[in-house]
Amino acid sequence: MPEKAVYSLTPSGKKEFEKLMLEISCKPINIFLDFNAVIVNLDSMPEKNQQEYLNNIESNIKLLKMYLEDNLNRKESAPDVPAIGKSVLQQQYVLAQTIEKWIKSLTDTN
């Protein structure tokens, strides 16, 4: 999950924020590839491991959803946030909900 940080608008705060933005923008975006690898290969793992993986994912998804909900609430009516930024947040939230449903469907059958 991305780090949450608050920076002041002082020159040093602005410089740190710009540094963070550059660092984040340089990182690969692997959520789809990494997570898809888990989905595709989950059945080939021992059952004990599958449950551990699902528990880990479920815990991380709950944290992600809380972060996204907070972010969406704060940015929903913010005029300085681009529409594409709001749209990406909403899509991430839908993805998190879908992953939760997937986990529930697997745990309900076990």
N, C-alpha and C. Protein backbone atom coordinates (compact mmCIF):
# COMPACT_ATOMS: atom_id res chain seq x y z
N MET A 1 0.85 -1.17 0.00
CA MET A 1 0.00 0.00 0.00
C MET A 1 0.89 1.23 0.00
N PRO A 2 0.49 2.25 -0.79
CA PRO A 2 1.30 3.46 -0.83
C PRO A 2 1.36 4.10 0.54
N GLU A 3 2.47 4.78 0.80
CA GLU A 3 2.62 5.48 2.06
C GLU A 3 1.75 6.71 2.07
N LYS A 4 1.17 6.98 3.25
CA LYS A 4 0.41 8.20 3.43
C LYS A 4 1.34 9.21 4.07
N ALA A 5 1.44 10.37 3.50
CA ALA A 5 2.33 11.37 4.06
C ALA A 5 1.70 12.75 3.92
N VAL A 6 1.99 13.59 4.86
CA VAL A 6 1.52 14.97 4.80
C VAL A 6 2.76 15.85 4.82
N TYR A 7 2.86 16.73 3.86
CA TYR A 7 4.00 17.63 3.76
C TYR A 7 3.52 19.05 3.85
N SER A 8 4.26 19.86 4.51
CA SER A 8 3.92 21.28 4.58
C SER A 8 4.30 21.93 3.25
N LEU A 9 3.86 23.13 3.08
CA LEU A 9 4.18 23.83 1.84
C LEU A 9 5.45 24.66 1.97
N THR A 10 6.26 24.35 2.95
CA THR A 10 7.54 25.02 3.06
C THR A 10 8.41 24.56 1.90
N PRO A 11 9.44 25.29 1.57
CA PRO A 11 10.32 24.87 0.47
C PRO A 11 10.89 23.47 0.68
N SER A 12 11.29 23.14 1.90
CA SER A 12 11.85 21.80 2.13
C SER A 12 10.75 20.74 2.05
N GLY A 13 9.53 21.07 2.51
CA GLY A 13 8.41 20.14 2.40
C GLY A 13 8.04 19.88 0.95
N LYS A 14 8.03 20.94 0.16
CA LYS A 14 7.72 20.81 -1.27
C LYS A 14 8.78 19.94 -1.96
N LYS A 15 10.03 20.16 -1.59
CA LYS A 15 11.12 19.38 -2.19
C LYS A 15 10.97 17.90 -1.84
N GLU A 16 10.63 17.60 -0.59
CA GLU A 16 10.42 16.20 -0.16
C GLU A 16 9.24 15.57 -0.89
N PHE A 17 8.17 16.35 -1.05
CA PHE A 17 7.00 15.84 -1.76
C PHE A 17 7.34 15.53 -3.21
N GLU A 18 8.07 16.41 -3.85
CA GLU A 18 8.48 16.18 -5.24
C GLU A 18 9.37 14.94 -5.34
N LYS A 19 10.24 14.76 -4.37
CA LYS A 19 11.11 13.58 -4.34
C LYS A 19 10.27 12.30 -4.21
N LEU A 20 9.27 12.33 -3.33
CA LEU A 20 8.38 11.19 -3.15
C LEU A 20 7.60 10.89 -4.43
N MET A 21 7.09 11.94 -5.07
CA MET A 21 6.34 11.75 -6.32
C MET A 21 7.21 11.11 -7.40
N LEU A 22 8.45 11.55 -7.51
CA LEU A 22 9.36 10.97 -8.49
C LEU A 22 9.63 9.50 -8.16
N GLU A 23 9.87 9.22 -6.88
CA GLU A 23 10.15 7.85 -6.45
C GLU A 23 8.98 6.92 -6.78
N ILE A 24 7.78 7.36 -6.46
CA ILE A 24 6.59 6.54 -6.73
C ILE A 24 6.38 6.37 -8.23
N SER A 25 6.57 7.45 -9.00
CA SER A 25 6.32 7.37 -10.44
C SER A 25 7.33 6.48 -11.15
N CYS A 26 8.48 6.23 -10.53
CA CYS A 26 9.50 5.38 -11.15
C CYS A 26 9.31 3.89 -10.85
N LYS A 27 8.43 3.58 -9.90
CA LYS A 27 8.23 2.18 -9.53
C LYS A 27 7.34 1.48 -10.55
N PRO A 28 7.62 0.20 -10.81
CA PRO A 28 6.75 -0.55 -11.71
C PRO A 28 5.35 -0.72 -11.10
N ILE A 29 4.36 -0.77 -11.94
CA ILE A 29 2.99 -0.98 -11.49
C ILE A 29 2.69 -2.47 -11.70
N ASN A 30 2.84 -3.23 -10.64
CA ASN A 30 2.76 -4.69 -10.75
C ASN A 30 1.50 -5.30 -10.16
N ILE A 31 0.59 -4.51 -9.61
CA ILE A 31 -0.54 -5.10 -8.91
C ILE A 31 -1.26 -6.13 -9.78
N PHE A 32 -1.47 -5.83 -11.03
CA PHE A 32 -2.22 -6.74 -11.88
C PHE A 32 -1.42 -8.01 -12.17
N LEU A 33 -0.15 -7.85 -12.48
CA LEU A 33 0.69 -9.01 -12.78
C LEU A 33 0.92 -9.86 -11.54
N ASP A 34 1.29 -9.24 -10.44
CA ASP A 34 1.56 -9.97 -9.21
C ASP A 34 0.32 -10.68 -8.71
N PHE A 35 -0.77 -9.95 -8.64
CA PHE A 35 -1.98 -10.54 -8.09
C PHE A 35 -2.53 -11.62 -9.02
N ASN A 36 -2.46 -11.41 -10.31
CA ASN A 36 -2.94 -12.42 -11.25
C ASN A 36 -2.13 -13.71 -11.11
N ALA A 37 -0.85 -13.60 -10.80
CA ALA A 37 -0.02 -14.79 -10.58
C ALA A 37 -0.55 -15.59 -9.40
N VAL A 38 -1.00 -14.90 -8.36
CA VAL A 38 -1.58 -15.59 -7.20
C VAL A 38 -2.88 -16.29 -7.60
N ILE A 39 -3.74 -15.58 -8.31
CA ILE A 39 -5.02 -16.16 -8.72
C ILE A 39 -4.81 -17.40 -9.59
N VAL A 40 -3.96 -17.27 -10.58
CA VAL A 40 -3.73 -18.36 -11.55
C VAL A 40 -3.11 -19.58 -10.88
N ASN A 41 -2.23 -19.36 -9.91
CA ASN A 41 -1.49 -20.47 -9.32
C ASN A 41 -2.00 -20.94 -7.96
N LEU A 42 -3.03 -20.34 -7.44
CA LEU A 42 -3.51 -20.66 -6.10
C LEU A 42 -3.88 -22.14 -5.96
N ASP A 43 -4.59 -22.68 -6.94
CA ASP A 43 -5.02 -24.09 -6.87
C ASP A 43 -3.87 -25.07 -6.86
N SER A 44 -2.72 -24.67 -7.36
CA SER A 44 -1.58 -25.60 -7.41
C SER A 44 -0.79 -25.61 -6.10
N MET A 45 -1.16 -24.76 -5.15
CA MET A 45 -0.48 -24.69 -3.85
C MET A 45 -1.14 -25.65 -2.87
N PRO A 46 -0.38 -26.13 -1.88
CA PRO A 46 -1.00 -26.98 -0.85
C PRO A 46 -2.15 -26.23 -0.17
N GLU A 47 -3.17 -26.96 0.22
CA GLU A 47 -4.37 -26.35 0.79
C GLU A 47 -4.05 -25.46 1.99
N LYS A 48 -3.13 -25.89 2.84
CA LYS A 48 -2.73 -25.11 4.01
C LYS A 48 -2.18 -23.75 3.58
N ASN A 49 -1.36 -23.76 2.55
CA ASN A 49 -0.78 -22.51 2.04
C ASN A 49 -1.85 -21.63 1.40
N GLN A 50 -2.78 -22.25 0.70
CA GLN A 50 -3.84 -21.47 0.06
C GLN A 50 -4.58 -20.61 1.08
N GLN A 51 -4.91 -21.22 2.21
CA GLN A 51 -5.64 -20.48 3.24
C GLN A 51 -4.80 -19.34 3.79
N GLU A 52 -3.53 -19.59 3.98
CA GLU A 52 -2.63 -18.53 4.47
C GLU A 52 -2.56 -17.38 3.47
N TYR A 53 -2.44 -17.72 2.18
CA TYR A 53 -2.38 -16.69 1.15
C TYR A 53 -3.68 -15.87 1.14
N LEU A 54 -4.81 -16.57 1.21
CA LEU A 54 -6.10 -15.88 1.21
C LEU A 54 -6.25 -14.98 2.43
N ASN A 55 -5.81 -15.46 3.58
CA ASN A 55 -5.88 -14.63 4.79
C ASN A 55 -5.02 -13.36 4.64
N ASN A 56 -3.83 -13.53 4.09
CA ASN A 56 -2.95 -12.38 3.87
C ASN A 56 -3.58 -11.38 2.91
N ILE A 57 -4.12 -11.89 1.81
CA ILE A 57 -4.74 -11.03 0.81
C ILE A 57 -5.95 -10.32 1.42
N GLU A 58 -6.76 -11.06 2.16
CA GLU A 58 -7.95 -10.47 2.77
C GLU A 58 -7.56 -9.32 3.72
N SER A 59 -6.56 -9.55 4.52
CA SER A 59 -6.09 -8.51 5.45
C SER A 59 -5.60 -7.28 4.70
N ASN A 60 -4.82 -7.50 3.66
CA ASN A 60 -4.29 -6.39 2.87
C ASN A 60 -5.39 -5.65 2.11
N ILE A 61 -6.38 -6.38 1.64
CA ILE A 61 -7.49 -5.75 0.92
C ILE A 61 -8.30 -4.87 1.87
N LYS A 62 -8.50 -5.32 3.10
CA LYS A 62 -9.23 -4.50 4.07
C LYS A 62 -8.49 -3.18 4.31
N LEU A 63 -7.18 -3.25 4.46
CA LEU A 63 -6.39 -2.03 4.65
C LEU A 63 -6.46 -1.13 3.42
N LEU A 64 -6.35 -1.74 2.25
CA LEU A 64 -6.42 -0.98 1.01
C LEU A 64 -7.76 -0.28 0.87
N LYS A 65 -8.84 -1.00 1.18
CA LYS A 65 -10.18 -0.40 1.08
C LYS A 65 -10.33 0.78 2.04
N MET A 66 -9.82 0.64 3.25
CA MET A 66 -9.90 1.75 4.21
C MET A 66 -9.15 2.97 3.68
N TYR A 67 -7.97 2.73 3.14
CA TYR A 67 -7.17 3.80 2.56
C TYR A 67 -7.91 4.45 1.39
N LEU A 68 -8.46 3.62 0.51
CA LEU A 68 -9.17 4.15 -0.66
C LEU A 68 -10.43 4.91 -0.26
N GLU A 69 -11.19 4.38 0.71
CA GLU A 69 -12.39 5.07 1.17
C GLU A 69 -12.04 6.45 1.71
N ASP A 70 -11.00 6.50 2.53
CA ASP A 70 -10.56 7.78 3.10
C ASP A 70 -10.15 8.73 1.99
N ASN A 71 -9.38 8.23 1.06
CA ASN A 71 -8.90 9.04 -0.06
C ASN A 71 -10.06 9.53 -0.92
N LEU A 72 -11.00 8.64 -1.22
CA LEU A 72 -12.16 9.03 -2.04
C LEU A 72 -12.99 10.09 -1.33
N ASN A 73 -13.22 9.91 -0.04
CA ASN A 73 -14.02 10.88 0.71
C ASN A 73 -13.35 12.26 0.73
N ARG A 74 -12.04 12.27 0.89
CA ARG A 74 -11.34 13.55 0.95
C ARG A 74 -11.23 14.22 -0.42
N LYS A 75 -11.18 13.44 -1.47
CA LYS A 75 -10.92 14.01 -2.80
C LYS A 75 -12.16 14.12 -3.67
N GLU A 76 -13.27 13.55 -3.19
CA GLU A 76 -14.49 13.51 -3.98
C GLU A 76 -14.92 14.89 -4.47
N SER A 77 -14.88 15.87 -3.60
CA SER A 77 -15.34 17.20 -3.99
C SER A 77 -14.19 18.21 -4.10
N ALA A 78 -12.98 17.71 -4.11
CA ALA A 78 -11.82 18.61 -4.23
C ALA A 78 -11.66 19.05 -5.68
N PRO A 79 -11.77 20.34 -5.94
CA PRO A 79 -11.70 20.82 -7.32
C PRO A 79 -10.31 20.69 -7.94
N ASP A 80 -9.28 20.59 -7.11
CA ASP A 80 -7.92 20.53 -7.66
C ASP A 80 -7.46 19.12 -8.01
N VAL A 81 -8.31 18.11 -7.75
CA VAL A 81 -7.96 16.73 -8.09
C VAL A 81 -8.51 16.42 -9.48
N PRO A 82 -7.66 16.03 -10.41
CA PRO A 82 -8.13 15.75 -11.78
C PRO A 82 -9.15 14.61 -11.79
N ALA A 83 -10.07 14.69 -12.72
CA ALA A 83 -11.12 13.66 -12.85
C ALA A 83 -10.50 12.28 -13.03
N ILE A 84 -9.40 12.18 -13.76
CA ILE A 84 -8.77 10.87 -13.98
C ILE A 84 -8.26 10.31 -12.65
N GLY A 85 -7.76 11.16 -11.78
CA GLY A 85 -7.31 10.71 -10.46
C GLY A 85 -8.45 10.13 -9.65
N LYS A 86 -9.59 10.81 -9.66
CA LYS A 86 -10.78 10.33 -8.95
C LYS A 86 -11.26 9.02 -9.56
N SER A 87 -11.23 8.94 -10.88
CA SER A 87 -11.67 7.73 -11.58
C SER A 87 -10.79 6.53 -11.23
N VAL A 88 -9.49 6.73 -11.19
CA VAL A 88 -8.56 5.65 -10.85
C VAL A 88 -8.82 5.17 -9.42
N LEU A 89 -9.02 6.09 -8.49
CA LEU A 89 -9.34 5.71 -7.11
C LEU A 89 -10.61 4.88 -7.05
N GLN A 90 -11.64 5.30 -7.79
CA GLN A 90 -12.91 4.57 -7.80
C GLN A 90 -12.72 3.17 -8.40
N GLN A 91 -11.93 3.07 -9.45
CA GLN A 91 -11.68 1.76 -10.06
C GLN A 91 -10.88 0.86 -9.13
N GLN A 92 -9.94 1.43 -8.40
CA GLN A 92 -9.19 0.63 -7.44
C GLN A 92 -10.11 0.12 -6.34
N TYR A 93 -11.05 0.93 -5.93
CA TYR A 93 -12.01 0.51 -4.91
C TYR A 93 -12.86 -0.64 -5.42
N VAL A 94 -13.34 -0.53 -6.66
CA VAL A 94 -14.13 -1.61 -7.26
C VAL A 94 -13.29 -2.89 -7.36
N LEU A 95 -12.03 -2.77 -7.72
CA LEU A 95 -11.14 -3.93 -7.78
C LEU A 95 -10.99 -4.56 -6.40
N ALA A 96 -10.84 -3.74 -5.37
CA ALA A 96 -10.72 -4.26 -4.01
C ALA A 96 -11.99 -5.00 -3.61
N GLN A 97 -13.14 -4.46 -3.96
CA GLN A 97 -14.41 -5.13 -3.66
C GLN A 97 -14.50 -6.47 -4.40
N THR A 98 -14.07 -6.50 -5.63
CA THR A 98 -14.11 -7.73 -6.42
C THR A 98 -13.20 -8.78 -5.82
N ILE A 99 -12.03 -8.38 -5.36
CA ILE A 99 -11.10 -9.32 -4.73
C ILE A 99 -11.71 -9.86 -3.45
N GLU A 100 -12.38 -9.01 -2.67
CA GLU A 100 -13.06 -9.47 -1.46
C GLU A 100 -14.12 -10.53 -1.80
N LYS A 101 -14.89 -10.28 -2.84
CA LYS A 101 -15.92 -11.24 -3.26
C LYS A 101 -15.29 -12.56 -3.69
N TRP A 102 -14.17 -12.47 -4.39
CA TRP A 102 -13.46 -13.68 -4.83
C TRP A 102 -13.00 -14.49 -3.62
N ILE A 103 -12.42 -13.82 -2.64
CA ILE A 103 -11.96 -14.51 -1.42
C ILE A 103 -13.14 -15.16 -0.72
N LYS A 104 -14.24 -14.42 -0.59
CA LYS A 104 -15.43 -14.96 0.07
C LYS A 104 -15.94 -16.17 -0.67
N SER A 105 -15.93 -16.15 -1.98
CA SER A 105 -16.44 -17.30 -2.75
C SER A 105 -15.56 -18.52 -2.51
N LEU A 106 -14.27 -18.32 -2.33
CA LEU A 106 -13.36 -19.44 -2.07
C LEU A 106 -13.50 -19.96 -0.64
N THR A 107 -13.64 -19.05 0.30
CA THR A 107 -13.73 -19.48 1.70
C THR A 107 -15.10 -20.06 2.01
N ASP A 108 -16.14 -19.63 1.29
CA ASP A 108 -17.48 -20.19 1.50
C ASP A 108 -17.58 -21.63 1.01
N THR A 109 -16.79 -21.99 0.02
CA THR A 109 -16.84 -23.35 -0.52
C THR A 109 -16.00 -24.32 0.28
N ASN A 110 -15.11 -23.81 1.14
CA ASN A 110 -14.24 -24.69 1.93
C ASN A 110 -14.87 -25.07 3.23
